[in-house]
C-alpha atoms as a PDB file:
ATOM      1  CA  MET A   1     190.471  91.921  63.510  1.00  0.00           C
ATOM      2  CA  GLU A   2     189.371  94.528  65.566  1.00  0.00           C
ATOM      3  CA  THR A   3     190.636  95.127  68.903  1.00  0.00           C
ATOM      4  CA  SER A   4     188.219  95.741  71.882  1.00  0.00           C
ATOM      5  CA  ILE A   5     189.085  99.281  71.962  1.00  0.00           C
ATOM      6  CA  SER A   6     188.354  99.776  68.278  1.00  0.00           C
ATOM      7  CA  ASN A   7     185.397  97.648  68.445  1.00  0.00           C
ATOM      8  CA  ALA A   8     184.277  99.650  71.559  1.00  0.00           C
ATOM      9  CA  ILE A   9     184.758 103.013  69.456  1.00  0.00           C
ATOM     10  CA  SER A  10     183.045 101.391  66.524  1.00  0.00           C
ATOM     11  CA  THR A  11     179.828 100.615  68.559  1.00  0.00           C
ATOM     12  CA  ALA A  12     180.098 104.188  70.496  1.00  0.00           C
ATOM     13  CA  ASP A  13     179.958 105.566  67.096  1.00  0.00           C
ATOM     14  CA  GLN A  14     177.259 103.511  65.982  1.00  0.00           C
ATOM     15  CA  LYS A  15     175.310 104.227  68.969  1.00  0.00           C
ATOM     16  CA  ALA A  16     175.609 108.120  68.559  1.00  0.00           C
ATOM     17  CA  GLN A  17     174.441 107.841  65.201  1.00  0.00           C
ATOM     18  CA  TYR A  18     171.501 105.994  65.866  1.00  0.00           C
ATOM     19  CA  ASP A  19     170.482 108.486  68.670  1.00  0.00           C
ATOM     20  CA  GLU A  20     170.609 111.099  66.390  1.00  0.00           C
ATOM     21  CA  ALA A  21     168.457 109.533  63.748  1.00  0.00           C
ATOM     22  CA  VAL A  22     165.872 109.043  66.458  1.00  0.00           C
ATOM     23  CA  LYS A  23     166.038 112.385  67.777  1.00  0.00           C
ATOM     24  CA  ARG A  24     165.409 113.687  63.998  1.00  0.00           C
ATOM     25  CA  LEU A  25     162.875 111.586  63.340  1.00  0.00           C
ATOM     26  CA  LEU A  26     160.994 112.791  66.343  1.00  0.00           C
ATOM     27  CA  SER A  27     161.712 116.425  65.446  1.00  0.00           C
ATOM     28  CA  GLU A  28     159.720 115.901  62.098  1.00  0.00           C
ATOM     29  CA  LYS A  29     156.709 118.460  62.317  1.00  0.00           C
ATOM     30  CA  ILE A  30     154.366 116.054  61.605  1.00  0.00           C
ATOM     31  CA  VAL A  31     155.500 113.372  64.423  1.00  0.00           C
ATOM     32  CA  LEU A  32     155.743 116.709  66.981  1.00  0.00           C
ATOM     33  CA  ALA A  33     152.044 117.461  65.942  1.00  0.00           C
ATOM     34  CA  TRP A  34     150.880 113.970  67.036  1.00  0.00           C
ATOM     35  CA  ILE A  35     152.777 113.878  70.349  1.00  0.00           C
ATOM     36  CA  LEU A  36     151.302 117.172  70.729  1.00  0.00           C
ATOM     37  CA  LYS A  37     147.754 116.136  70.120  1.00  0.00           C
ATOM     38  CA  GLU A  38     147.554 112.991  72.177  1.00  0.00           C
ATOM     39  CA  CYS A  39     149.872 113.874  74.952  1.00  0.00           C
ATOM     40  CA  VAL A  40     149.596 118.030  75.721  1.00  0.00           C
ATOM     41  CA  SER A  41     145.990 118.615  76.637  1.00  0.00           C
ATOM     42  CA  GLU A  42     145.833 122.164  74.962  1.00  0.00           C
ATOM     43  CA  PHE A  43     145.899 120.711  71.576  1.00  0.00           C
ATOM     44  CA  LYS A  44     143.189 117.913  72.199  1.00  0.00           C
ATOM     45  CA  VAL A  45     140.750 119.612  70.025  1.00  0.00           C
ATOM     46  CA  TYR A  46     142.868 120.570  67.240  1.00  0.00           C
ATOM     47  CA  THR A  47     143.662 118.149  64.072  1.00  0.00           C
ATOM     48  CA  VAL A  48     147.139 117.132  63.642  1.00  0.00           C
ATOM     49  CA  GLN A  49     147.311 119.412  60.486  1.00  0.00           C
ATOM     50  CA  GLN A  50     146.449 122.335  62.288  1.00  0.00           C
ATOM     51  CA  ILE A  51     148.886 121.689  64.814  1.00  0.00           C
ATOM     52  CA  MET A  52     151.788 121.346  62.367  1.00  0.00           C
ATOM     53  CA  LYS A  53     150.704 124.230  60.303  1.00  0.00           C
ATOM     54  CA  ASP A  54     149.540 126.784  62.945  1.00  0.00           C
ATOM     55  CA  CYS A  55     150.919 125.562  66.435  1.00  0.00           C
ATOM     56  CA  ILE A  56     154.363 124.823  66.411  1.00  0.00           C
ATOM     57  CA  GLU A  57     156.453 128.009  66.073  1.00  0.00           C
ATOM     58  CA  GLY A  58     159.689 127.879  63.724  1.00  0.00           C
ATOM     59  CA  GLU A  59     162.023 124.893  63.606  1.00  0.00           C
ATOM     60  CA  PRO A  60     162.738 122.317  66.162  1.00  0.00           C
ATOM     61  CA  LYS A  61     166.204 122.619  67.769  1.00  0.00           C
ATOM     62  CA  VAL A  62     167.825 119.034  67.960  1.00  0.00           C
ATOM     63  CA  SER A  63     170.668 118.582  70.218  1.00  0.00           C
ATOM     64  CA  VAL A  64     171.728 122.128  70.277  1.00  0.00           C
ATOM     65  CA  VAL A  65     170.300 124.087  73.142  1.00  0.00           C
ATOM     66  CA  ALA A  66     172.478 123.754  76.296  1.00  0.00           C
ATOM     67  CA  VAL A  67     170.571 122.950  79.665  1.00  0.00           C
ATOM     68  CA  HIS A  68     172.905 124.864  81.698  1.00  0.00           C
ATOM     69  CA  GLN A  69     173.088 128.611  81.607  1.00  0.00           C
ATOM     70  CA  ASP A  70     176.762 128.733  81.972  1.00  0.00           C
ATOM     71  CA  GLU A  71     177.311 126.828  78.533  1.00  0.00           C
ATOM     72  CA  LEU A  72     177.018 127.837  74.961  1.00  0.00           C
ATOM     73  CA  ASP A  73     174.829 126.159  72.701  1.00  0.00           C
ATOM     74  CA  ALA A  74     176.165 123.763  70.202  1.00  0.00           C
ATOM     75  CA  ASP A  75     176.675 126.372  67.523  1.00  0.00           C
ATOM     76  CA  GLU A  76     178.811 128.404  70.360  1.00  0.00           C
ATOM     77  CA  GLU A  77     176.720 131.163  69.795  1.00  0.00           C
ATOM     78  CA  LEU A  78     175.776 132.913  72.941  1.00  0.00           C
ATOM     79  CA  ALA A  79     171.827 132.695  73.571  1.00  0.00           C
ATOM     80  CA  ASP A  80     169.611 135.585  72.561  1.00  0.00           C
ATOM     81  CA  LYS A  81     168.590 137.448  75.486  1.00  0.00           C
ATOM     82  CA  ARG A  82     165.879 139.752  73.958  1.00  0.00           C
ATOM     83  CA  ILE A  83     162.245 139.751  75.436  1.00  0.00           C
ATOM     84  CA  GLU A  84     160.649 137.042  73.422  1.00  0.00           C
ATOM     85  CA  GLY A  85     163.783 135.156  72.369  1.00  0.00           C
ATOM     86  CA  SER A  86     164.699 131.894  73.924  1.00  0.00           C
ATOM     87  CA  ASN A  87     167.340 131.761  76.545  1.00  0.00           C
ATOM     88  CA  ASN A  88     168.804 128.271  75.390  1.00  0.00           C
ATOM     89  CA  GLU A  89     171.038 127.699  78.526  1.00  0.00           C
ATOM     90  CA  ASP A  90     171.084 127.000  82.201  1.00  0.00           C
ATOM     91  CA  SER A  91     173.373 127.474  84.796  1.00  0.00           C
ATOM     92  CA  SER A  92     176.076 124.705  86.413  1.00  0.00           C
ATOM     93  CA  ILE A  93     179.677 125.126  86.228  1.00  0.00           C
ATOM     94  CA  LYS A  94     180.758 121.864  87.518  1.00  0.00           C
ATOM     95  CA  GLU A  95     178.235 119.893  85.079  1.00  0.00           C
ATOM     96  CA  GLY A  96     179.159 118.597  81.925  1.00  0.00           C
ATOM     97  CA  LYS A  97     177.588 119.710  78.754  1.00  0.00           C
ATOM     98  CA  VAL A  98     173.963 118.791  78.610  1.00  0.00           C
ATOM     99  CA  TYR A  99     171.761 119.508  75.504  1.00  0.00           C
ATOM    100  CA  TYR A 100     167.800 119.127  75.409  1.00  0.00           C
ATOM    101  CA  ASP A 101     167.322 116.639  72.588  1.00  0.00           C
ATOM    102  CA  ILE A 102     164.516 118.511  70.846  1.00  0.00           C
ATOM    103  CA  ARG A 103     163.121 122.066  72.252  1.00  0.00           C
ATOM    104  CA  PHE A 104     160.657 124.016  70.658  1.00  0.00           C
ATOM    105  CA  ASN A 105     158.090 126.814  71.339  1.00  0.00           C
ATOM    106  CA  ALA A 106     154.000 126.022  70.462  1.00  0.00           C
ATOM    107  CA  ILE A 107     151.174 128.243  70.617  1.00  0.00           C
ATOM    108  CA  VAL A 108     147.195 127.555  70.981  1.00  0.00           C
ATOM    109  CA  PRO A 109     145.429 129.677  68.959  1.00  0.00           C
ATOM    110  CA  ASP A 110     141.934 130.956  68.957  1.00  0.00           C
ATOM    111  CA  THR A 111     142.125 131.296  72.677  1.00  0.00           C
ATOM    112  CA  LYS A 112     141.014 134.769  74.249  1.00  0.00           C
ATOM    113  CA  GLU A 113     144.602 135.440  75.085  1.00  0.00           C
ATOM    114  CA  PRO A 114     147.324 133.202  73.022  1.00  0.00           C
ATOM    115  CA  ILE A 115     148.834 130.509  75.042  1.00  0.00           C
ATOM    116  CA  HIS A 116     152.432 130.258  74.564  1.00  0.00           C
ATOM    117  CA  LEU A 117     153.996 126.679  75.435  1.00  0.00           C
ATOM    118  CA  ILE A 118     157.589 125.589  75.405  1.00  0.00           C
ATOM    119  CA  ILE A 119     158.173 121.853  74.647  1.00  0.00           C
ATOM    120  CA  ASN A 120     160.892 119.481  75.332  1.00  0.00           C
ATOM    121  CA  ILE A 121     161.034 116.195  74.007  1.00  0.00           C
ATOM    122  CA  GLU A 122     163.636 113.435  75.207  1.00  0.00           C
ATOM    123  CA  ALA A 123     164.215 110.017  73.890  1.00  0.00           C
ATOM    124  CA  GLN A 124     165.533 107.815  76.580  1.00  0.00           C
ATOM    125  CA  LYS A 125     166.692 104.464  75.384  1.00  0.00           C
ATOM    126  CA  SER A 126     166.090 102.664  79.051  1.00  0.00           C
ATOM    127  CA  ASP A 127     164.845 103.477  82.030  1.00  0.00           C
ATOM    128  CA  ASN A 128     167.673 101.667  83.959  1.00  0.00           C
ATOM    129  CA  THR A 129     169.142 104.932  85.223  1.00  0.00           C
ATOM    130  CA  VAL A 130     171.096 105.856  88.560  1.00  0.00           C
ATOM    131  CA  TYR A 131     168.472 108.483  89.190  1.00  0.00           C
ATOM    132  CA  PRO A 132     164.502 108.248  88.914  1.00  0.00           C
ATOM    133  CA  ILE A 133     163.946 109.747  85.208  1.00  0.00           C
ATOM    134  CA  ILE A 134     160.922 111.487  86.755  1.00  0.00           C
ATOM    135  CA  LYS A 135     163.361 113.624  89.038  1.00  0.00           C
ATOM    136  CA  ARG A 136     165.737 114.829  85.766  1.00  0.00           C
ATOM    137  CA  ALA A 137     162.377 115.550  83.695  1.00  0.00           C
ATOM    138  CA  ILE A 138     161.199 117.774  86.647  1.00  0.00           C
ATOM    139  CA  TYR A 139     164.633 119.445  86.550  1.00  0.00           C
ATOM    140  CA  TYR A 140     164.575 120.274  82.901  1.00  0.00           C
ATOM    141  CA  CYS A 141     160.991 121.893  83.476  1.00  0.00           C
ATOM    142  CA  SER A 142     162.466 123.931  86.415  1.00  0.00           C
ATOM    143  CA  ARG A 143     165.354 124.839  83.958  1.00  0.00           C
ATOM    144  CA  MET A 144     162.738 125.912  81.108  1.00  0.00           C
ATOM    145  CA  ILE A 145     161.036 128.122  83.576  1.00  0.00           C
ATOM    146  CA  SER A 146     163.861 129.855  85.422  1.00  0.00           C
ATOM    147  CA  SER A 147     165.398 130.532  81.867  1.00  0.00           C
ATOM    148  CA  GLN A 148     162.461 132.737  80.948  1.00  0.00           C
ATOM    149  CA  LYS A 149     163.940 135.246  83.217  1.00  0.00           C
ATOM    150  CA  ASN A 150     165.257 138.242  80.985  1.00  0.00           C
ATOM    151  CA  THR A 151     163.866 136.139  77.725  1.00  0.00           C
ATOM    152  CA  VAL A 152     160.075 136.037  78.122  1.00  0.00           C
ATOM    153  CA  PHE A 153     159.837 138.340  80.878  1.00  0.00           C
ATOM    154  CA  THR A 154     161.738 140.962  82.765  1.00  0.00           C
ATOM    155  CA  LYS A 155     162.240 142.742  86.401  1.00  0.00           C
ATOM    156  CA  SER A 156     159.061 140.824  88.387  1.00  0.00           C
ATOM    157  CA  HIS A 157     156.523 140.399  85.635  1.00  0.00           C
ATOM    158  CA  TYR A 158     156.161 136.657  86.621  1.00  0.00           C
ATOM    159  CA  GLU A 159     152.516 136.784  85.304  1.00  0.00           C
ATOM    160  CA  LYS A 160     154.485 136.384  82.104  1.00  0.00           C
ATOM    161  CA  ILE A 161     156.034 132.886  82.700  1.00  0.00           C
ATOM    162  CA  ARG A 162     155.130 130.491  79.974  1.00  0.00           C
ATOM    163  CA  LYS A 163     154.091 126.661  80.947  1.00  0.00           C
ATOM    164  CA  VAL A 164     156.750 124.111  79.918  1.00  0.00           C
ATOM    165  CA  TYR A 165     156.137 120.315  79.139  1.00  0.00           C
ATOM    166  CA  SER A 166     158.941 117.794  79.199  1.00  0.00           C
ATOM    167  CA  ILE A 167     157.919 114.775  77.431  1.00  0.00           C
ATOM    168  CA  TRP A 168     160.287 111.409  77.935  1.00  0.00           C
ATOM    169  CA  ILE A 169     159.845 108.697  75.258  1.00  0.00           C
ATOM    170  CA  GLU A 170     161.592 105.243  76.988  1.00  0.00           C
ATOM    171  CA  MET A 171     162.053 102.760  74.397  1.00  0.00           C
ATOM    172  CA  ASN A 172     163.288  99.675  76.635  1.00  0.00           C
ATOM    173  CA  VAL A 173     161.172  99.315  79.737  1.00  0.00           C
ATOM    174  CA  SER A 174     159.944  96.835  82.201  1.00  0.00           C
ATOM    175  CA  GLU A 175     157.238  94.441  81.030  1.00  0.00           C
ATOM    176  CA  GLU A 176     154.708  95.874  83.207  1.00  0.00           C
ATOM    177  CA  ASP A 177     155.485  99.396  82.198  1.00  0.00           C
ATOM    178  CA  LYS A 178     155.133  98.864  78.548  1.00  0.00           C
ATOM    179  CA  ASN A 179     152.992 101.159  76.210  1.00  0.00           C
ATOM    180  CA  SER A 180     151.883 103.428  79.023  1.00  0.00           C
ATOM    181  CA  ILE A 181     151.655 107.243  79.444  1.00  0.00           C
ATOM    182  CA  THR A 182     151.901 108.716  82.712  1.00  0.00           C
ATOM    183  CA  LYS A 183     151.557 112.482  83.451  1.00  0.00           C
ATOM    184  CA  TYR A 184     152.890 114.787  86.296  1.00  0.00           C
ATOM    185  CA  SER A 185     151.590 118.226  86.935  1.00  0.00           C
ATOM    186  CA  ILE A 186     151.304 120.790  89.748  1.00  0.00           C
ATOM    187  CA  SER A 187     147.672 120.645  91.380  1.00  0.00           C
ATOM    188  CA  GLU A 188     145.576 122.661  94.110  1.00  0.00           C
ATOM    189  CA  ASP A 189     144.994 121.102  97.516  1.00  0.00           C
ATOM    190  CA  THR A 190     143.231 123.389  99.969  1.00  0.00           C
ATOM    191  CA  ILE A 191     144.033 122.075 103.502  1.00  0.00           C
ATOM    192  CA  VAL A 192     141.913 124.821 105.269  1.00  0.00           C
ATOM    193  CA  GLY A 193     139.572 127.424 104.108  1.00  0.00           C
ATOM    194  CA  ASN A 194     138.022 128.154 100.643  1.00  0.00           C
ATOM    195  CA  ALA A 195     140.890 130.075  98.839  1.00  0.00           C
ATOM    196  CA  LYS A 196     141.083 129.214  95.259  1.00  0.00           C
ATOM    197  CA  GLU A 197     143.755 130.253  92.776  1.00  0.00           C
ATOM    198  CA  GLU A 198     143.265 130.320  89.110  1.00  0.00           C
ATOM    199  CA  VAL A 199     144.423 127.212  87.285  1.00  0.00           C
ATOM    200  CA  LYS A 200     146.668 129.171  84.775  1.00  0.00           C
ATOM    201  CA  ASN A 201     148.615 130.750  87.622  1.00  0.00           C
ATOM    202  CA  TYR A 202     149.807 127.378  89.173  1.00  0.00           C
ATOM    203  CA  ASP A 203     149.573 125.275  85.925  1.00  0.00           C
ATOM    204  CA  LEU A 204     153.148 125.658  85.084  1.00  0.00           C
ATOM    205  CA  LEU A 205     154.985 122.581  84.256  1.00  0.00           C
ATOM    206  CA  SER A 206     153.794 119.021  83.292  1.00  0.00           C
ATOM    207  CA  VAL A 207     156.203 115.952  82.712  1.00  0.00           C
ATOM    208  CA  LEU A 208     155.186 112.980  80.705  1.00  0.00           C
ATOM    209  CA  LEU A 209     156.661 109.619  80.893  1.00  0.00           C
ATOM    210  CA  VAL A 210     155.617 107.968  77.469  1.00  0.00           C
ATOM    211  CA  ARG A 211     156.934 103.972  77.600  1.00  0.00           C
ATOM    212  CA  LEU A 212     156.830 102.161  74.819  1.00  0.00           C
ATOM    213  CA  GLY A 213     156.389  98.278  74.229  1.00  0.00           C
ATOM    214  CA  ASP A 214     155.278  96.018  71.453  1.00  0.00           C
ATOM    215  CA  PRO A 215     153.761  97.649  68.502  1.00  0.00           C
ATOM    216  CA  ASP A 216     151.351  95.255  67.993  1.00  0.00           C
ATOM    217  CA  LYS A 217     150.270  95.406  71.543  1.00  0.00           C
ATOM    218  CA  ALA A 218     149.658  99.243  71.661  1.00  0.00           C
ATOM    219  CA  ASP A 219     146.321 100.695  70.335  1.00  0.00           C
ATOM    220  CA  GLU A 220     145.670 100.723  66.787  1.00  0.00           C
ATOM    221  CA  LYS A 221     145.672 104.275  66.186  1.00  0.00           C
ATOM    222  CA  SER A 222     147.361 105.759  69.332  1.00  0.00           C
ATOM    223  CA  ILE A 223     150.286 107.908  69.605  1.00  0.00           C
ATOM    224  CA  LEU A 224     152.239 104.632  71.657  1.00  0.00           C
ATOM    225  CA  ARG A 225     151.622 102.673  68.212  1.00  0.00           C
ATOM    226  CA  LEU A 226     152.910 105.627  66.221  1.00  0.00           C
ATOM    227  CA  LEU A 227     156.275 105.716  68.410  1.00  0.00           C
ATOM    228  CA  ASP A 228     156.247 102.026  68.638  1.00  0.00           C
ATOM    229  CA  VAL A 229     156.155 101.900  65.138  1.00  0.00           C
ATOM    230  CA  LEU A 230     158.624 104.542  64.075  1.00  0.00           C
ATOM    231  CA  LEU A 231     161.252 103.441  66.829  1.00  0.00           C
ATOM    232  CA  SER A 232     161.018  99.912  66.459  1.00  0.00           C
ATOM    233  CA  ALA A 233     164.476  98.102  66.333  1.00  0.00           C
ATOM    234  CA  GLU A 234     162.650  95.039  64.689  1.00  0.00           C
ATOM    235  CA  LYS A 235     160.502  96.186  61.949  1.00  0.00           C
ATOM    236  CA  LYS A 236     161.848  96.545  58.727  1.00  0.00           C
ATOM    237  CA  PRO A 237     161.904 100.074  56.842  1.00  0.00           C
ATOM    238  CA  ASP A 238     159.422  99.090  54.343  1.00  0.00           C
ATOM    239  CA  GLU A 239     157.238  97.810  57.048  1.00  0.00           C
ATOM    240  CA  LYS A 240     157.555 101.052  59.028  1.00  0.00           C
ATOM    241  CA  LYS A 241     156.736 103.230  56.150  1.00  0.00           C
ATOM    242  CA  GLU A 242     153.552 101.188  55.216  1.00  0.00           C
ATOM    243  CA  LEU A 243     151.843 101.624  58.503  1.00  0.00           C
ATOM    244  CA  LEU A 244     152.860 105.059  59.146  1.00  0.00           C
ATOM    245  CA  GLU A 245     151.341 106.129  55.714  1.00  0.00           C
ATOM    246  CA  LYS A 246     148.225 103.589  56.586  1.00  0.00           C
ATOM    247  CA  ASP A 247     147.384 103.929  59.793  1.00  0.00           C
ATOM    248  CA  PHE A 248     148.542 107.645  60.785  1.00  0.00           C
ATOM    249  CA  ASP A 249     148.596 109.577  57.425  1.00  0.00           C
ATOM    250  CA  ILE A 250     152.038 109.999  57.697  1.00  0.00           C
ATOM    251  CA  PRO A 251     153.808 110.384  54.180  1.00  0.00           C
ATOM    252  CA  MET A 252     157.332 109.496  53.811  1.00  0.00           C
ATOM    253  CA  SER A 253     159.270 112.658  52.797  1.00  0.00           C
ATOM    254  CA  ALA A 254     162.856 111.883  51.528  1.00  0.00           C
ATOM    255  CA  THR A 255     164.330 113.013  54.765  1.00  0.00           C
ATOM    256  CA  MET A 256     162.153 110.665  56.993  1.00  0.00           C
ATOM    257  CA  SER A 257     162.629 107.724  54.753  1.00  0.00           C
ATOM    258  CA  LYS A 258     166.520 108.231  54.851  1.00  0.00           C
ATOM    259  CA  GLU A 259     166.513 108.731  58.692  1.00  0.00           C
ATOM    260  CA  VAL A 260     164.131 105.417  59.195  1.00  0.00           C
ATOM    261  CA  ASN A 261     166.627 103.654  56.663  1.00  0.00           C
ATOM    262  CA  SER A 262     169.521 105.038  58.704  1.00  0.00           C
ATOM    263  CA  MET A 263     167.983 104.002  62.194  1.00  0.00           C
ATOM    264  CA  CYS A 264     166.943 100.433  61.124  1.00  0.00           C
ATOM    265  CA  ASN A 265     170.293  99.637  59.866  1.00  0.00           C
ATOM    266  CA  LEU A 266     172.377 101.076  62.870  1.00  0.00           C
ATOM    267  CA  GLY A 267     169.608  99.099  64.991  1.00  0.00           C
ATOM    268  CA  GLU A 268     170.349  95.933  63.391  1.00  0.00           C
ATOM    269  CA  GLY A 269     174.373  96.250  63.887  1.00  0.00           C
ATOM    270  CA  LEU A 270     173.675  97.408  67.720  1.00  0.00           C
ATOM    271  CA  VAL A 271     171.360  94.846  68.423  1.00  0.00           C
ATOM    272  CA  GLU A 272     174.165  91.857  68.015  1.00  0.00           C
ATOM    273  CA  GLN A 273     176.601  93.970  69.750  1.00  0.00           C
ATOM    274  CA  THR A 274     174.688  95.162  73.023  1.00  0.00           C
ATOM    275  CA  SER A 275     172.531  91.910  73.399  1.00  0.00           C
ATOM    276  CA  ILE A 276     174.544  90.817  76.448  1.00  0.00           C
ATOM    277  CA  LYS A 277     174.613  94.325  77.670  1.00  0.00           C
ATOM    278  CA  ASN A 278     170.784  94.502  77.680  1.00  0.00           C
ATOM    279  CA  LYS A 279     170.440  91.272  79.168  1.00  0.00           C
ATOM    280  CA  ALA A 280     172.719  92.575  81.991  1.00  0.00           C
ATOM    281  CA  ASP A 281     170.515  95.898  82.069  1.00  0.00           C
ATOM    282  CA  PHE A 282     167.623  93.996  82.540  1.00  0.00           C
ATOM    283  CA  VAL A 283     168.918  91.576  85.342  1.00  0.00           C
ATOM    284  CA  LEU A 284     170.210  94.592  87.318  1.00  0.00           C
ATOM    285  CA  ARG A 285     166.625  96.460  87.054  1.00  0.00           C
ATOM    286  CA  LEU A 286     164.871  93.287  87.991  1.00  0.00           C
ATOM    287  CA  MET A 287     167.566  93.137  91.154  1.00  0.00           C
ATOM    288  CA  GLN A 288     167.327  96.607  92.058  1.00  0.00           C
ATOM    289  CA  LYS A 289     163.473  97.397  91.420  1.00  0.00           C
ATOM    290  CA  LYS A 290     161.802  94.169  92.050  1.00  0.00           C
ATOM    291  CA  HIS A 291     164.432  92.438  94.328  1.00  0.00           C
ATOM    292  CA  TYR A 292     165.082  89.401  92.469  1.00  0.00           C
ATOM    293  CA  ASP A 293     168.108  87.409  93.474  1.00  0.00           C
ATOM    294  CA  ILE A 294     170.536  87.037  90.519  1.00  0.00           C
ATOM    295  CA  ASN A 295     169.427  83.352  89.342  1.00  0.00           C
ATOM    296  CA  GLU A 296     165.668  84.472  89.402  1.00  0.00           C
ATOM    297  CA  ALA A 297     166.609  87.544  87.268  1.00  0.00           C
ATOM    298  CA  PHE A 298     168.643  85.263  84.882  1.00  0.00           C
ATOM    299  CA  ASP A 299     165.500  83.053  84.234  1.00  0.00           C
ATOM    300  CA  LEU A 300     163.237  86.072  83.593  1.00  0.00           C
ATOM    301  CA  ALA A 301     165.837  87.893  81.253  1.00  0.00           C
ATOM    302  CA  ASN A 302     166.558  84.530  79.279  1.00  0.00           C
ATOM    303  CA  VAL A 303     170.158  84.375  80.051  1.00  0.00           C
ATOM    304  CA  LEU A 304     171.652  81.376  78.331  1.00  0.00           C
ATOM    305  CA  GLU A 305     174.083  79.240  80.525  1.00  0.00           C
ATOM    306  CA  SER A 306     176.902  80.429  78.268  1.00  0.00           C
ATOM    307  CA  GLU A 307     176.171  83.861  78.649  1.00  0.00           C
ATOM    308  CA  LYS A 308     175.712  83.935  82.645  1.00  0.00           C
ATOM    309  CA  ALA A 309     179.512  84.626  83.439  1.00  0.00           C
ATOM    310  CA  GLU A 310     179.615  87.634  81.326  1.00  0.00           C
ATOM    311  CA  VAL A 311     176.444  88.960  82.271  1.00  0.00           C
ATOM    312  CA  THR A 312     177.435  88.512  85.946  1.00  0.00           C
ATOM    313  CA  LYS A 313     180.410  90.183  85.362  1.00  0.00           C
ATOM    314  CA  LEU A 314     178.775  93.446  83.874  1.00  0.00           C
ATOM    315  CA  VAL A 315     176.203  93.361  86.650  1.00  0.00           C
ATOM    316  CA  ASP A 316     179.033  93.496  89.229  1.00  0.00           C
ATOM    317  CA  GLU A 317     180.767  96.286  87.190  1.00  0.00           C
ATOM    318  CA  GLN A 318     177.352  98.477  87.521  1.00  0.00           C
ATOM    319  CA  LEU A 319     176.985  98.148  91.254  1.00  0.00           C
ATOM    320  CA  ALA A 320     180.441  98.770  91.908  1.00  0.00           C
ATOM    321  CA  VAL A 321     180.043 102.198  89.901  1.00  0.00           C
ATOM    322  CA  LYS A 322     176.592 102.736  92.077  1.00  0.00           C
END
């Protein structure tokens, strides 16, 4: 029989494998193309095939680009400092190693002056964090802008700064937030007078929070449904493949098929091991964000009588940490 420690290690390993499978699926170019078309305004007029073929530059980097400048990337190579390179790090001496889930460059073609963008996509299992996710997303955007110094531009050529996007895909969110997309950007607000600035000079960062829910409740052809289906822990691999091919014209390559199978198998195992923790997380979220007392939260989270003691213990532990 496994000890609690070995079981915890096994669960952690499964979670890590599951997370990596999710990131690899999201980094498939056809999936990225759908995300860009539906979430990034610069690509609205292009087809998914055009975006995949002409707009995504190079290969997306998955869990290898360090957020902080004083850290090496995952391959332990120093970031390339040449102009038009990609400064893949950001600075913070005391923080732990943090990597962007997915990061890549994109170009908007057929414009008078080609528009270059830097895109970051993050997969977030839950919005139950000790900090507002929007603040972390803005921080990531800020890092991607500041890291362009001496890579995209030198000296005082700030006119060359590229716009950045940070897109956060949240998989387990409160009922009222499910199947929603929210965008945050810099806007102009003239307080006195008529002075105006060109939009391109201040529209330099955008954050999108993409909150998933039930695939059957999302719009039939929307990016929400695509991601709901792709990342669902409940739908079987064959069902996912059929829906993605039929509704979104996404052919299942051998690599994608393997990742879908891996994610589904790992997800099934984790559902059993984490159901109590998920309920505890949901109860805590209801208590903190909606100000329910614990018994009201138990009812909304469908906590069984036999589970209440364990859930209460987990909630108390989380409150003690915070």
